[in-house]
Amino acid sequence: MATRPRDLPVPLSHPQRLLDDEGVLRMLLLAFAMTLPLATLAYLKIQQTRLSYAMSEVRGQIRQEEENHRTLLLNRSYYQRSEEVKAFADQAGMLPRKEPQAPGAP
């Protein structure tokens, strides 16, 4: 008498192995579910740090530009005053004297 495949006994270790594999997959899924938010937080913290460094550089450049602008305004004010004094002296008929040096000029 020939045995058919359905007549063969099912090994008992096979269902147990499926349960073990399912447990391993669940643990991997849980580990992935926990590490994804942590990895996202770490990435965002790194980006925040990079942005902070970039903003520091931009603030430094802005301060430097403001200082240059202030210096230019002071020099412009000095030269405008000098021109006004010259014009008044010419109108009043005064003789010119030696020109004063601009601040920061050699």
N, C-alpha and C. Protein backbone atom coordinates (compact mmCIF):
# COMPACT_ATOMS: atom_id res chain seq x y z
N MET A 1 0.82 -1.16 0.00
CA MET A 1 0.00 0.00 0.00
C MET A 1 0.88 1.25 0.00
N ALA A 2 0.61 2.16 -0.89
CA ALA A 2 1.40 3.37 -1.04
C ALA A 2 0.90 4.43 -0.07
N THR A 3 1.84 5.12 0.50
CA THR A 3 1.44 6.20 1.41
C THR A 3 1.31 7.50 0.64
N ARG A 4 0.29 8.18 0.94
CA ARG A 4 0.09 9.48 0.30
C ARG A 4 0.73 10.56 1.18
N PRO A 5 1.07 11.72 0.59
CA PRO A 5 1.75 12.77 1.36
C PRO A 5 0.93 13.24 2.55
N ARG A 6 -0.38 13.21 2.46
CA ARG A 6 -1.17 13.71 3.60
C ARG A 6 -1.18 12.72 4.74
N ASP A 7 -0.78 11.50 4.45
CA ASP A 7 -0.75 10.49 5.50
C ASP A 7 0.53 10.57 6.34
N LEU A 8 1.53 11.35 5.85
CA LEU A 8 2.79 11.44 6.59
C LEU A 8 2.59 12.28 7.85
N PRO A 9 3.22 11.91 8.93
CA PRO A 9 3.06 12.70 10.14
C PRO A 9 3.76 14.07 9.99
N VAL A 10 3.16 15.09 10.53
CA VAL A 10 3.73 16.44 10.49
C VAL A 10 4.72 16.56 11.64
N PRO A 11 5.95 17.00 11.36
CA PRO A 11 6.90 17.12 12.45
C PRO A 11 6.43 18.17 13.45
N LEU A 12 6.64 17.89 14.70
CA LEU A 12 6.19 18.81 15.75
C LEU A 12 7.06 20.06 15.83
N SER A 13 8.29 19.99 15.36
CA SER A 13 9.18 21.16 15.46
C SER A 13 8.81 22.26 14.47
N HIS A 14 8.11 21.94 13.44
CA HIS A 14 7.77 22.93 12.41
C HIS A 14 6.87 24.04 12.96
N PRO A 15 5.75 23.74 13.65
CA PRO A 15 4.96 24.84 14.19
C PRO A 15 5.72 25.63 15.23
N GLN A 16 6.55 24.97 16.01
CA GLN A 16 7.33 25.69 17.01
C GLN A 16 8.31 26.65 16.34
N ARG A 17 8.91 26.22 15.23
CA ARG A 17 9.85 27.07 14.52
C ARG A 17 9.15 28.31 13.97
N LEU A 18 7.92 28.15 13.48
CA LEU A 18 7.16 29.30 12.98
C LEU A 18 6.91 30.29 14.11
N LEU A 19 6.57 29.80 15.29
CA LEU A 19 6.35 30.70 16.41
C LEU A 19 7.63 31.42 16.80
N ASP A 20 8.74 30.73 16.79
CA ASP A 20 10.02 31.38 17.12
C ASP A 20 10.37 32.44 16.09
N ASP A 21 10.19 32.14 14.81
CA ASP A 21 10.47 33.11 13.76
C ASP A 21 9.57 34.33 13.89
N GLU A 22 8.33 34.10 14.23
CA GLU A 22 7.40 35.22 14.41
C GLU A 22 7.86 36.10 15.56
N GLY A 23 8.33 35.49 16.63
CA GLY A 23 8.83 36.27 17.77
C GLY A 23 10.06 37.08 17.40
N VAL A 24 10.94 36.50 16.61
CA VAL A 24 12.14 37.23 16.18
C VAL A 24 11.73 38.40 15.29
N LEU A 25 10.79 38.16 14.39
CA LEU A 25 10.34 39.24 13.51
C LEU A 25 9.67 40.36 14.31
N ARG A 26 8.90 39.99 15.31
CA ARG A 26 8.27 41.01 16.16
C ARG A 26 9.31 41.82 16.92
N MET A 27 10.35 41.15 17.40
CA MET A 27 11.40 41.85 18.13
C MET A 27 12.16 42.80 17.18
N LEU A 28 12.41 42.34 15.96
CA LEU A 28 13.08 43.22 14.99
C LEU A 28 12.21 44.42 14.64
N LEU A 29 10.93 44.19 14.47
CA LEU A 29 10.01 45.28 14.18
C LEU A 29 9.95 46.26 15.35
N LEU A 30 9.93 45.75 16.55
CA LEU A 30 9.92 46.61 17.74
C LEU A 30 11.21 47.41 17.83
N ALA A 31 12.34 46.76 17.57
CA ALA A 31 13.63 47.47 17.61
C ALA A 31 13.66 48.57 16.55
N PHE A 32 13.18 48.26 15.36
CA PHE A 32 13.14 49.26 14.30
C PHE A 32 12.20 50.41 14.66
N ALA A 33 11.05 50.06 15.24
CA ALA A 33 10.08 51.10 15.63
C ALA A 33 10.64 52.00 16.71
N MET A 34 11.52 51.48 17.55
CA MET A 34 12.10 52.32 18.61
C MET A 34 13.30 53.12 18.11
N THR A 35 14.08 52.56 17.19
CA THR A 35 15.27 53.27 16.73
C THR A 35 14.96 54.35 15.71
N LEU A 36 13.88 54.22 14.99
CA LEU A 36 13.56 55.23 13.98
C LEU A 36 13.34 56.62 14.60
N PRO A 37 12.52 56.76 15.64
CA PRO A 37 12.39 58.09 16.24
C PRO A 37 13.70 58.59 16.85
N LEU A 38 14.47 57.69 17.44
CA LEU A 38 15.74 58.11 18.02
C LEU A 38 16.71 58.58 16.94
N ALA A 39 16.73 57.87 15.84
CA ALA A 39 17.59 58.29 14.73
C ALA A 39 17.13 59.63 14.16
N THR A 40 15.82 59.81 14.09
CA THR A 40 15.29 61.09 13.61
C THR A 40 15.68 62.22 14.54
N LEU A 41 15.58 61.99 15.85
CA LEU A 41 15.98 63.02 16.81
C LEU A 41 17.46 63.34 16.70
N ALA A 42 18.28 62.32 16.55
CA ALA A 42 19.72 62.55 16.40
C ALA A 42 20.00 63.35 15.13
N TYR A 43 19.35 63.02 14.04
CA TYR A 43 19.53 63.75 12.78
C TYR A 43 19.12 65.21 12.94
N LEU A 44 17.98 65.44 13.58
CA LEU A 44 17.52 66.82 13.77
C LEU A 44 18.46 67.60 14.67
N LYS A 45 19.02 66.97 15.68
CA LYS A 45 19.96 67.65 16.57
C LYS A 45 21.22 68.03 15.81
N ILE A 46 21.69 67.14 14.94
CA ILE A 46 22.86 67.46 14.12
C ILE A 46 22.57 68.64 13.20
N GLN A 47 21.39 68.63 12.59
CA GLN A 47 21.02 69.74 11.70
C GLN A 47 20.91 71.05 12.48
N GLN A 48 20.37 70.98 13.70
CA GLN A 48 20.26 72.17 14.54
C GLN A 48 21.65 72.73 14.86
N THR A 49 22.59 71.86 15.16
CA THR A 49 23.95 72.29 15.46
C THR A 49 24.59 72.94 14.23
N ARG A 50 24.42 72.32 13.07
CA ARG A 50 24.96 72.91 11.84
C ARG A 50 24.35 74.27 11.57
N LEU A 51 23.05 74.38 11.77
CA LEU A 51 22.37 75.65 11.55
C LEU A 51 22.86 76.70 12.52
N SER A 52 23.11 76.31 13.77
CA SER A 52 23.63 77.26 14.76
C SER A 52 24.99 77.80 14.34
N TYR A 53 25.87 76.92 13.86
CA TYR A 53 27.18 77.38 13.40
C TYR A 53 27.04 78.33 12.21
N ALA A 54 26.16 77.98 11.29
CA ALA A 54 25.96 78.84 10.11
C ALA A 54 25.39 80.20 10.53
N MET A 55 24.46 80.19 11.48
CA MET A 55 23.87 81.46 11.95
C MET A 55 24.93 82.31 12.67
N SER A 56 25.84 81.69 13.39
CA SER A 56 26.92 82.43 14.05
C SER A 56 27.78 83.14 13.02
N GLU A 57 28.11 82.43 11.95
CA GLU A 57 28.90 83.05 10.90
C GLU A 57 28.15 84.20 10.25
N VAL A 58 26.86 84.02 10.02
CA VAL A 58 26.06 85.09 9.40
C VAL A 58 25.99 86.30 10.33
N ARG A 59 25.80 86.05 11.65
CA ARG A 59 25.77 87.16 12.59
C ARG A 59 27.09 87.92 12.60
N GLY A 60 28.20 87.20 12.53
CA GLY A 60 29.51 87.85 12.47
C GLY A 60 29.66 88.70 11.23
N GLN A 61 29.21 88.18 10.10
CA GLN A 61 29.28 88.95 8.86
C GLN A 61 28.40 90.20 8.94
N ILE A 62 27.22 90.05 9.55
CA ILE A 62 26.32 91.21 9.68
C ILE A 62 26.97 92.27 10.56
N ARG A 63 27.59 91.84 11.68
CA ARG A 63 28.27 92.81 12.55
C ARG A 63 29.39 93.53 11.81
N GLN A 64 30.15 92.78 11.02
CA GLN A 64 31.24 93.38 10.24
C GLN A 64 30.70 94.38 9.23
N GLU A 65 29.61 94.01 8.54
CA GLU A 65 29.01 94.94 7.57
C GLU A 65 28.47 96.19 8.26
N GLU A 66 27.87 96.02 9.43
CA GLU A 66 27.37 97.19 10.17
C GLU A 66 28.51 98.11 10.59
N GLU A 67 29.63 97.52 11.01
CA GLU A 67 30.79 98.32 11.39
C GLU A 67 31.35 99.07 10.18
N ASN A 68 31.43 98.38 9.04
CA ASN A 68 31.89 99.06 7.81
C ASN A 68 30.94 100.19 7.42
N HIS A 69 29.65 99.94 7.54
CA HIS A 69 28.65 100.97 7.20
C HIS A 69 28.78 102.17 8.13
N ARG A 70 28.97 101.90 9.42
CA ARG A 70 29.11 102.99 10.39
C ARG A 70 30.37 103.81 10.09
N THR A 71 31.46 103.15 9.75
CA THR A 71 32.70 103.84 9.42
C THR A 71 32.51 104.71 8.17
N LEU A 72 31.85 104.15 7.17
CA LEU A 72 31.60 104.93 5.95
C LEU A 72 30.73 106.16 6.24
N LEU A 73 29.72 105.99 7.08
CA LEU A 73 28.86 107.14 7.42
C LEU A 73 29.64 108.21 8.18
N LEU A 74 30.52 107.78 9.09
CA LEU A 74 31.33 108.76 9.82
C LEU A 74 32.25 109.53 8.87
N ASN A 75 32.89 108.82 7.95
CA ASN A 75 33.77 109.49 6.99
C ASN A 75 32.99 110.42 6.08
N ARG A 76 31.82 109.98 5.64
CA ARG A 76 30.99 110.84 4.79
C ARG A 76 30.58 112.10 5.54
N SER A 77 30.21 111.94 6.81
CA SER A 77 29.83 113.09 7.62
C SER A 77 31.01 114.05 7.76
N TYR A 78 32.20 113.50 7.97
CA TYR A 78 33.38 114.35 8.11
C TYR A 78 33.64 115.14 6.83
N TYR A 79 33.57 114.44 5.68
CA TYR A 79 33.84 115.12 4.41
C TYR A 79 32.76 116.14 4.07
N GLN A 80 31.50 115.87 4.40
CA GLN A 80 30.43 116.83 4.14
C GLN A 80 30.64 118.08 5.00
N ARG A 81 31.03 117.86 6.25
CA ARG A 81 31.28 119.01 7.13
C ARG A 81 32.43 119.84 6.57
N SER A 82 33.47 119.16 6.10
CA SER A 82 34.62 119.86 5.55
C SER A 82 34.23 120.69 4.33
N GLU A 83 33.38 120.13 3.47
CA GLU A 83 32.92 120.86 2.28
C GLU A 83 32.08 122.07 2.68
N GLU A 84 31.23 121.91 3.69
CA GLU A 84 30.40 123.03 4.15
C GLU A 84 31.26 124.15 4.73
N VAL A 85 32.28 123.78 5.49
CA VAL A 85 33.18 124.79 6.06
C VAL A 85 33.92 125.52 4.95
N LYS A 86 34.36 124.78 3.93
CA LYS A 86 35.06 125.40 2.80
C LYS A 86 34.15 126.39 2.07
N ALA A 87 32.92 125.97 1.83
CA ALA A 87 31.98 126.85 1.12
C ALA A 87 31.72 128.13 1.93
N PHE A 88 31.55 128.00 3.25
CA PHE A 88 31.32 129.18 4.09
C PHE A 88 32.54 130.09 4.07
N ALA A 89 33.73 129.49 4.14
CA ALA A 89 34.96 130.30 4.14
C ALA A 89 35.10 131.04 2.81
N ASP A 90 34.78 130.39 1.72
CA ASP A 90 34.85 131.07 0.42
C ASP A 90 33.86 132.22 0.35
N GLN A 91 32.64 132.04 0.87
CA GLN A 91 31.63 133.11 0.87
C GLN A 91 32.05 134.26 1.76
N ALA A 92 32.68 133.94 2.88
CA ALA A 92 33.07 134.97 3.84
C ALA A 92 34.38 135.64 3.43
N GLY A 93 35.05 135.09 2.42
CA GLY A 93 36.30 135.68 1.96
C GLY A 93 37.49 135.32 2.82
N MET A 94 37.39 134.29 3.58
CA MET A 94 38.51 133.87 4.42
C MET A 94 39.54 133.13 3.57
N LEU A 95 40.77 133.18 4.03
CA LEU A 95 41.84 132.46 3.33
C LEU A 95 41.87 131.02 3.80
N PRO A 96 42.08 130.09 2.88
CA PRO A 96 42.12 128.67 3.30
C PRO A 96 43.40 128.37 4.08
N ARG A 97 43.31 127.44 4.98
CA ARG A 97 44.50 127.00 5.69
C ARG A 97 44.69 125.51 5.43
N LYS A 98 45.70 124.97 6.03
CA LYS A 98 46.03 123.57 5.78
C LYS A 98 44.84 122.68 6.12
N GLU A 99 44.54 121.73 5.20
CA GLU A 99 43.41 120.81 5.39
C GLU A 99 43.69 119.83 6.52
N PRO A 100 42.71 119.61 7.40
CA PRO A 100 42.90 118.57 8.43
C PRO A 100 42.76 117.18 7.80
N GLN A 101 43.43 116.20 8.39
CA GLN A 101 43.39 114.84 7.89
C GLN A 101 42.08 114.17 8.32
N ALA A 102 41.55 113.35 7.43
CA ALA A 102 40.34 112.57 7.74
C ALA A 102 40.71 111.48 8.75
N PRO A 103 39.75 111.09 9.62
CA PRO A 103 40.07 110.02 10.57
C PRO A 103 40.34 108.72 9.83
N GLY A 104 41.43 108.08 10.19
CA GLY A 104 41.77 106.82 9.56
C GLY A 104 42.57 106.99 8.28
N ALA A 105 42.81 108.24 7.85
CA ALA A 105 43.59 108.47 6.62
C ALA A 105 45.07 108.47 6.97
N PRO A 106 45.93 108.00 6.08
CA PRO A 106 47.38 107.98 6.37
C PRO A 106 48.01 109.35 6.27
